[in-house]
Amino acid sequence: FKGTRMAGRMGNERVTLQNLKIARVDAESDLLLIKGAIPGNNGGVVTVKTAVKGGAHA
């Protein structure tokens, strides 16, 4: 039927989170323990970067 909403795909979008704390770094096991929820599947790729915040605008 034309215009009927059907099942589709959901997700596959990049999400940016800020203000998460790094709880511990385990260099021996190559683990980075982060306090808080990280969206995505188990075993998914996570990119960690320093926070880049805009300065005060005059």
PDB file of N, CA and C in Angstrom:
ATOM      1  N   PHE A   1       0.840  -1.174   0.000  1.00  0.00           N
ATOM      2  CA  PHE A   1       0.000   0.000   0.000  1.00  0.00           C
ATOM      3  C   PHE A   1       0.887   1.238   0.000  1.00  0.00           C
ATOM      4  N   LYS A   2       0.568   2.169  -0.822  1.00  0.00           N
ATOM      5  CA  LYS A   2       1.381   3.357  -0.962  1.00  0.00           C
ATOM      6  C   LYS A   2       1.291   4.221   0.306  1.00  0.00           C
ATOM      7  N   GLY A   3       2.471   4.647   0.803  1.00  0.00           N
ATOM      8  CA  GLY A   3       2.523   5.515   1.976  1.00  0.00           C
ATOM      9  C   GLY A   3       2.483   4.791   3.310  1.00  0.00           C
ATOM     10  N   THR A   4       2.388   3.462   3.311  1.00  0.00           N
ATOM     11  CA  THR A   4       2.345   2.702   4.561  1.00  0.00           C
ATOM     12  C   THR A   4       3.739   2.646   5.169  1.00  0.00           C
ATOM     13  N   ARG A   5       3.824   2.917   6.449  1.00  0.00           N
ATOM     14  CA  ARG A   5       5.114   2.824   7.127  1.00  0.00           C
ATOM     15  C   ARG A   5       5.436   1.362   7.388  1.00  0.00           C
ATOM     16  N   MET A   6       6.610   0.967   6.935  1.00  0.00           N
ATOM     17  CA  MET A   6       7.032  -0.418   7.080  1.00  0.00           C
ATOM     18  C   MET A   6       8.266  -0.475   7.990  1.00  0.00           C
ATOM     19  N   ALA A   7       8.609  -1.686   8.374  1.00  0.00           N
ATOM     20  CA  ALA A   7       9.797  -1.886   9.194  1.00  0.00           C
ATOM     21  C   ALA A   7      11.014  -1.438   8.409  1.00  0.00           C
ATOM     22  N   GLY A   8      11.950  -0.799   9.099  1.00  0.00           N
ATOM     23  CA  GLY A   8      13.136  -0.298   8.417  1.00  0.00           C
ATOM     24  C   GLY A   8      14.352  -0.414   9.298  1.00  0.00           C
ATOM     25  N   ARG A   9      15.357   0.292   8.925  1.00  0.00           N
ATOM     26  CA  ARG A   9      16.614   0.238   9.645  1.00  0.00           C
ATOM     27  C   ARG A   9      16.693   1.424  10.601  1.00  0.00           C
ATOM     28  N   MET A  10      17.248   1.165  11.790  1.00  0.00           N
ATOM     29  CA  MET A  10      17.376   2.221  12.779  1.00  0.00           C
ATOM     30  C   MET A  10      18.808   2.224  13.290  1.00  0.00           C
ATOM     31  N   GLY A  11      19.367   3.389  13.495  1.00  0.00           N
ATOM     32  CA  GLY A  11      20.714   3.472  14.037  1.00  0.00           C
ATOM     33  C   GLY A  11      21.723   3.886  12.988  1.00  0.00           C
ATOM     34  N   ASN A  12      22.959   3.397  13.139  1.00  0.00           N
ATOM     35  CA  ASN A  12      24.076   3.691  12.247  1.00  0.00           C
ATOM     36  C   ASN A  12      24.346   5.188  12.181  1.00  0.00           C
ATOM     37  N   GLU A  13      24.307   5.848  13.316  1.00  0.00           N
ATOM     38  CA  GLU A  13      24.609   7.261  13.348  1.00  0.00           C
ATOM     39  C   GLU A  13      25.681   7.505  14.399  1.00  0.00           C
ATOM     40  N   ARG A  14      26.510   8.486  14.165  1.00  0.00           N
ATOM     41  CA  ARG A  14      27.586   8.808  15.093  1.00  0.00           C
ATOM     42  C   ARG A  14      27.028   9.612  16.261  1.00  0.00           C
ATOM     43  N   VAL A  15      27.437   9.243  17.460  1.00  0.00           N
ATOM     44  CA  VAL A  15      26.967   9.906  18.675  1.00  0.00           C
ATOM     45  C   VAL A  15      28.181  10.452  19.415  1.00  0.00           C
ATOM     46  N   THR A  16      28.083  11.691  19.886  1.00  0.00           N
ATOM     47  CA  THR A  16      29.161  12.310  20.650  1.00  0.00           C
ATOM     48  C   THR A  16      28.699  12.524  22.087  1.00  0.00           C
ATOM     49  N   LEU A  17      29.498  12.042  23.023  1.00  0.00           N
ATOM     50  CA  LEU A  17      29.215  12.236  24.445  1.00  0.00           C
ATOM     51  C   LEU A  17      30.319  13.082  25.049  1.00  0.00           C
ATOM     52  N   GLN A  18      29.951  13.916  25.997  1.00  0.00           N
ATOM     53  CA  GLN A  18      30.937  14.741  26.681  1.00  0.00           C
ATOM     54  C   GLN A  18      30.830  14.519  28.183  1.00  0.00           C
ATOM     55  N   ASN A  19      31.878  14.930  28.879  1.00  0.00           N
ATOM     56  CA  ASN A  19      31.940  14.905  30.345  1.00  0.00           C
ATOM     57  C   ASN A  19      31.905  13.503  30.929  1.00  0.00           C
ATOM     58  N   LEU A  20      32.486  12.530  30.246  1.00  0.00           N
ATOM     59  CA  LEU A  20      32.634  11.200  30.823  1.00  0.00           C
ATOM     60  C   LEU A  20      34.005  11.118  31.488  1.00  0.00           C
ATOM     61  N   LYS A  21      34.059  10.481  32.621  1.00  0.00           N
ATOM     62  CA  LYS A  21      35.299  10.388  33.385  1.00  0.00           C
ATOM     63  C   LYS A  21      36.004   9.071  33.083  1.00  0.00           C
ATOM     64  N   ILE A  22      37.321   9.127  32.940  1.00  0.00           N
ATOM     65  CA  ILE A  22      38.122   7.919  32.771  1.00  0.00           C
ATOM     66  C   ILE A  22      38.429   7.394  34.166  1.00  0.00           C
ATOM     67  N   ALA A  23      37.917   6.193  34.460  1.00  0.00           N
ATOM     68  CA  ALA A  23      38.070   5.627  35.797  1.00  0.00           C
ATOM     69  C   ALA A  23      39.468   5.042  35.991  1.00  0.00           C
ATOM     70  N   ARG A  24      39.947   4.302  34.990  1.00  0.00           N
ATOM     71  CA  ARG A  24      41.242   3.644  35.133  1.00  0.00           C
ATOM     72  C   ARG A  24      41.779   3.290  33.754  1.00  0.00           C
ATOM     73  N   VAL A  25      43.089   3.238  33.630  1.00  0.00           N
ATOM     74  CA  VAL A  25      43.743   2.806  32.398  1.00  0.00           C
ATOM     75  C   VAL A  25      44.550   1.566  32.733  1.00  0.00           C
ATOM     76  N   ASP A  26      44.261   0.465  32.046  1.00  0.00           N
ATOM     77  CA  ASP A  26      44.992  -0.783  32.240  1.00  0.00           C
ATOM     78  C   ASP A  26      45.832  -1.021  30.988  1.00  0.00           C
ATOM     79  N   ALA A  27      47.077  -0.547  31.017  1.00  0.00           N
ATOM     80  CA  ALA A  27      47.945  -0.646  29.842  1.00  0.00           C
ATOM     81  C   ALA A  27      48.330  -2.087  29.544  1.00  0.00           C
ATOM     82  N   GLU A  28      48.385  -2.908  30.574  1.00  0.00           N
ATOM     83  CA  GLU A  28      48.775  -4.305  30.382  1.00  0.00           C
ATOM     84  C   GLU A  28      47.751  -5.058  29.531  1.00  0.00           C
ATOM     85  N   SER A  29      46.468  -4.768  29.738  1.00  0.00           N
ATOM     86  CA  SER A  29      45.397  -5.436  28.987  1.00  0.00           C
ATOM     87  C   SER A  29      44.831  -4.561  27.874  1.00  0.00           C
ATOM     88  N   ASP A  30      45.402  -3.369  27.663  1.00  0.00           N
ATOM     89  CA  ASP A  30      44.898  -2.412  26.665  1.00  0.00           C
ATOM     90  C   ASP A  30      43.432  -2.084  26.901  1.00  0.00           C
ATOM     91  N   LEU A  31      43.090  -1.755  28.154  1.00  0.00           N
ATOM     92  CA  LEU A  31      41.718  -1.407  28.508  1.00  0.00           C
ATOM     93  C   LEU A  31      41.653   0.026  29.010  1.00  0.00           C
ATOM     94  N   LEU A  32      40.566   0.694  28.664  1.00  0.00           N
ATOM     95  CA  LEU A  32      40.287   2.040  29.147  1.00  0.00           C
ATOM     96  C   LEU A  32      38.933   1.970  29.829  1.00  0.00           C
ATOM     97  N   LEU A  33      38.899   2.110  31.148  1.00  0.00           N
ATOM     98  CA  LEU A  33      37.658   1.999  31.903  1.00  0.00           C
ATOM     99  C   LEU A  33      37.039   3.380  32.048  1.00  0.00           C
ATOM    100  N   ILE A  34      35.820   3.530  31.533  1.00  0.00           N
ATOM    101  CA  ILE A  34      35.134   4.815  31.510  1.00  0.00           C
ATOM    102  C   ILE A  34      33.901   4.730  32.383  1.00  0.00           C
ATOM    103  N   LYS A  35      33.705   5.738  33.239  1.00  0.00           N
ATOM    104  CA  LYS A  35      32.535   5.776  34.112  1.00  0.00           C
ATOM    105  C   LYS A  35      31.374   6.380  33.339  1.00  0.00           C
ATOM    106  N   GLY A  36      30.308   5.618  33.189  1.00  0.00           N
ATOM    107  CA  GLY A  36      29.135   6.091  32.458  1.00  0.00           C
ATOM    108  C   GLY A  36      28.786   5.145  31.322  1.00  0.00           C
ATOM    109  N   ALA A  37      27.653   5.394  30.722  1.00  0.00           N
ATOM    110  CA  ALA A  37      27.156   4.534  29.652  1.00  0.00           C
ATOM    111  C   ALA A  37      27.723   4.978  28.307  1.00  0.00           C
ATOM    112  N   ILE A  38      28.137   4.012  27.513  1.00  0.00           N
ATOM    113  CA  ILE A  38      28.629   4.258  26.162  1.00  0.00           C
ATOM    114  C   ILE A  38      27.630   3.628  25.196  1.00  0.00           C
ATOM    115  N   PRO A  39      27.057   4.397  24.274  1.00  0.00           N
ATOM    116  CA  PRO A  39      26.090   3.822  23.342  1.00  0.00           C
ATOM    117  C   PRO A  39      26.774   2.923  22.322  1.00  0.00           C
ATOM    118  N   GLY A  40      26.032   1.941  21.843  1.00  0.00           N
ATOM    119  CA  GLY A  40      26.557   1.050  20.811  1.00  0.00           C
ATOM    120  C   GLY A  40      26.580  -0.389  21.275  1.00  0.00           C
ATOM    121  N   ASN A  41      26.986  -1.251  20.359  1.00  0.00           N
ATOM    122  CA  ASN A  41      27.038  -2.682  20.630  1.00  0.00           C
ATOM    123  C   ASN A  41      28.279  -3.036  21.434  1.00  0.00           C
ATOM    124  N   ASN A  42      28.231  -4.189  22.084  1.00  0.00           N
ATOM    125  CA  ASN A  42      29.418  -4.718  22.742  1.00  0.00           C
ATOM    126  C   ASN A  42      30.444  -5.056  21.669  1.00  0.00           C
ATOM    127  N   GLY A  43      31.678  -4.662  21.895  1.00  0.00           N
ATOM    128  CA  GLY A  43      32.724  -4.911  20.914  1.00  0.00           C
ATOM    129  C   GLY A  43      32.766  -3.867  19.809  1.00  0.00           C
ATOM    130  N   GLY A  44      31.969  -2.817  19.931  1.00  0.00           N
ATOM    131  CA  GLY A  44      31.955  -1.765  18.914  1.00  0.00           C
ATOM    132  C   GLY A  44      33.178  -0.863  19.035  1.00  0.00           C
ATOM    133  N   VAL A  45      33.405  -0.056  18.012  1.00  0.00           N
ATOM    134  CA  VAL A  45      34.548   0.850  17.984  1.00  0.00           C
ATOM    135  C   VAL A  45      34.183   2.146  18.697  1.00  0.00           C
ATOM    136  N   VAL A  46      35.048   2.573  19.610  1.00  0.00           N
ATOM    137  CA  VAL A  46      34.846   3.817  20.352  1.00  0.00           C
ATOM    138  C   VAL A  46      36.076   4.691  20.140  1.00  0.00           C
ATOM    139  N   THR A  47      35.865   5.945  19.778  1.00  0.00           N
ATOM    140  CA  THR A  47      36.955   6.897  19.607  1.00  0.00           C
ATOM    141  C   THR A  47      36.949   7.852  20.793  1.00  0.00           C
ATOM    142  N   VAL A  48      38.102   7.988  21.448  1.00  0.00           N
ATOM    143  CA  VAL A  48      38.224   8.872  22.605  1.00  0.00           C
ATOM    144  C   VAL A  48      39.117  10.033  22.202  1.00  0.00           C
ATOM    145  N   LYS A  49      38.601  11.253  22.371  1.00  0.00           N
ATOM    146  CA  LYS A  49      39.358  12.454  22.031  1.00  0.00           C
ATOM    147  C   LYS A  49      39.293  13.432  23.198  1.00  0.00           C
ATOM    148  N   THR A  50      40.208  14.380  23.196  1.00  0.00           N
ATOM    149  CA  THR A  50      40.145  15.434  24.200  1.00  0.00           C
ATOM    150  C   THR A  50      38.975  16.347  23.877  1.00  0.00           C
ATOM    151  N   ALA A  51      38.439  16.980  24.896  1.00  0.00           N
ATOM    152  CA  ALA A  51      37.286  17.852  24.709  1.00  0.00           C
ATOM    153  C   ALA A  51      37.726  19.137  24.027  1.00  0.00           C
ATOM    154  N   VAL A  52      37.000  19.520  22.999  1.00  0.00           N
ATOM    155  CA  VAL A  52      37.255  20.771  22.297  1.00  0.00           C
ATOM    156  C   VAL A  52      36.010  21.614  22.471  1.00  0.00           C
ATOM    157  N   LYS A  53      36.095  22.582  23.344  1.00  0.00           N
ATOM    158  CA  LYS A  53      34.944  23.433  23.630  1.00  0.00           C
ATOM    159  C   LYS A  53      35.199  24.811  23.049  1.00  0.00           C
ATOM    160  N   GLY A  54      34.136  25.452  22.598  1.00  0.00           N
ATOM    161  CA  GLY A  54      34.266  26.800  22.063  1.00  0.00           C
ATOM    162  C   GLY A  54      34.524  27.800  23.172  1.00  0.00           C
ATOM    163  N   GLY A  55      35.283  28.825  22.866  1.00  0.00           N
ATOM    164  CA  GLY A  55      35.572  29.860  23.843  1.00  0.00           C
ATOM    165  C   GLY A  55      34.420  30.839  23.950  1.00  0.00           C
ATOM    166  N   ALA A  56      34.559  31.812  24.820  1.00  0.00           N
ATOM    167  CA  ALA A  56      33.522  32.822  25.006  1.00  0.00           C
ATOM    168  C   ALA A  56      33.496  33.749  23.793  1.00  0.00           C
ATOM    169  N   HIS A  57      32.318  34.014  23.298  1.00  0.00           N
ATOM    170  CA  HIS A  57      32.163  34.901  22.153  1.00  0.00           C
ATOM    171  C   HIS A  57      31.891  36.313  22.653  1.00  0.00           C
ATOM    172  N   ALA A  58      32.561  37.279  22.049  1.00  0.00           N
ATOM    173  CA  ALA A  58      32.376  38.668  22.486  1.00  0.00           C
ATOM    174  C   ALA A  58      31.178  39.294  21.825  1.00  0.00           C
TER     175      ALA A  58
END
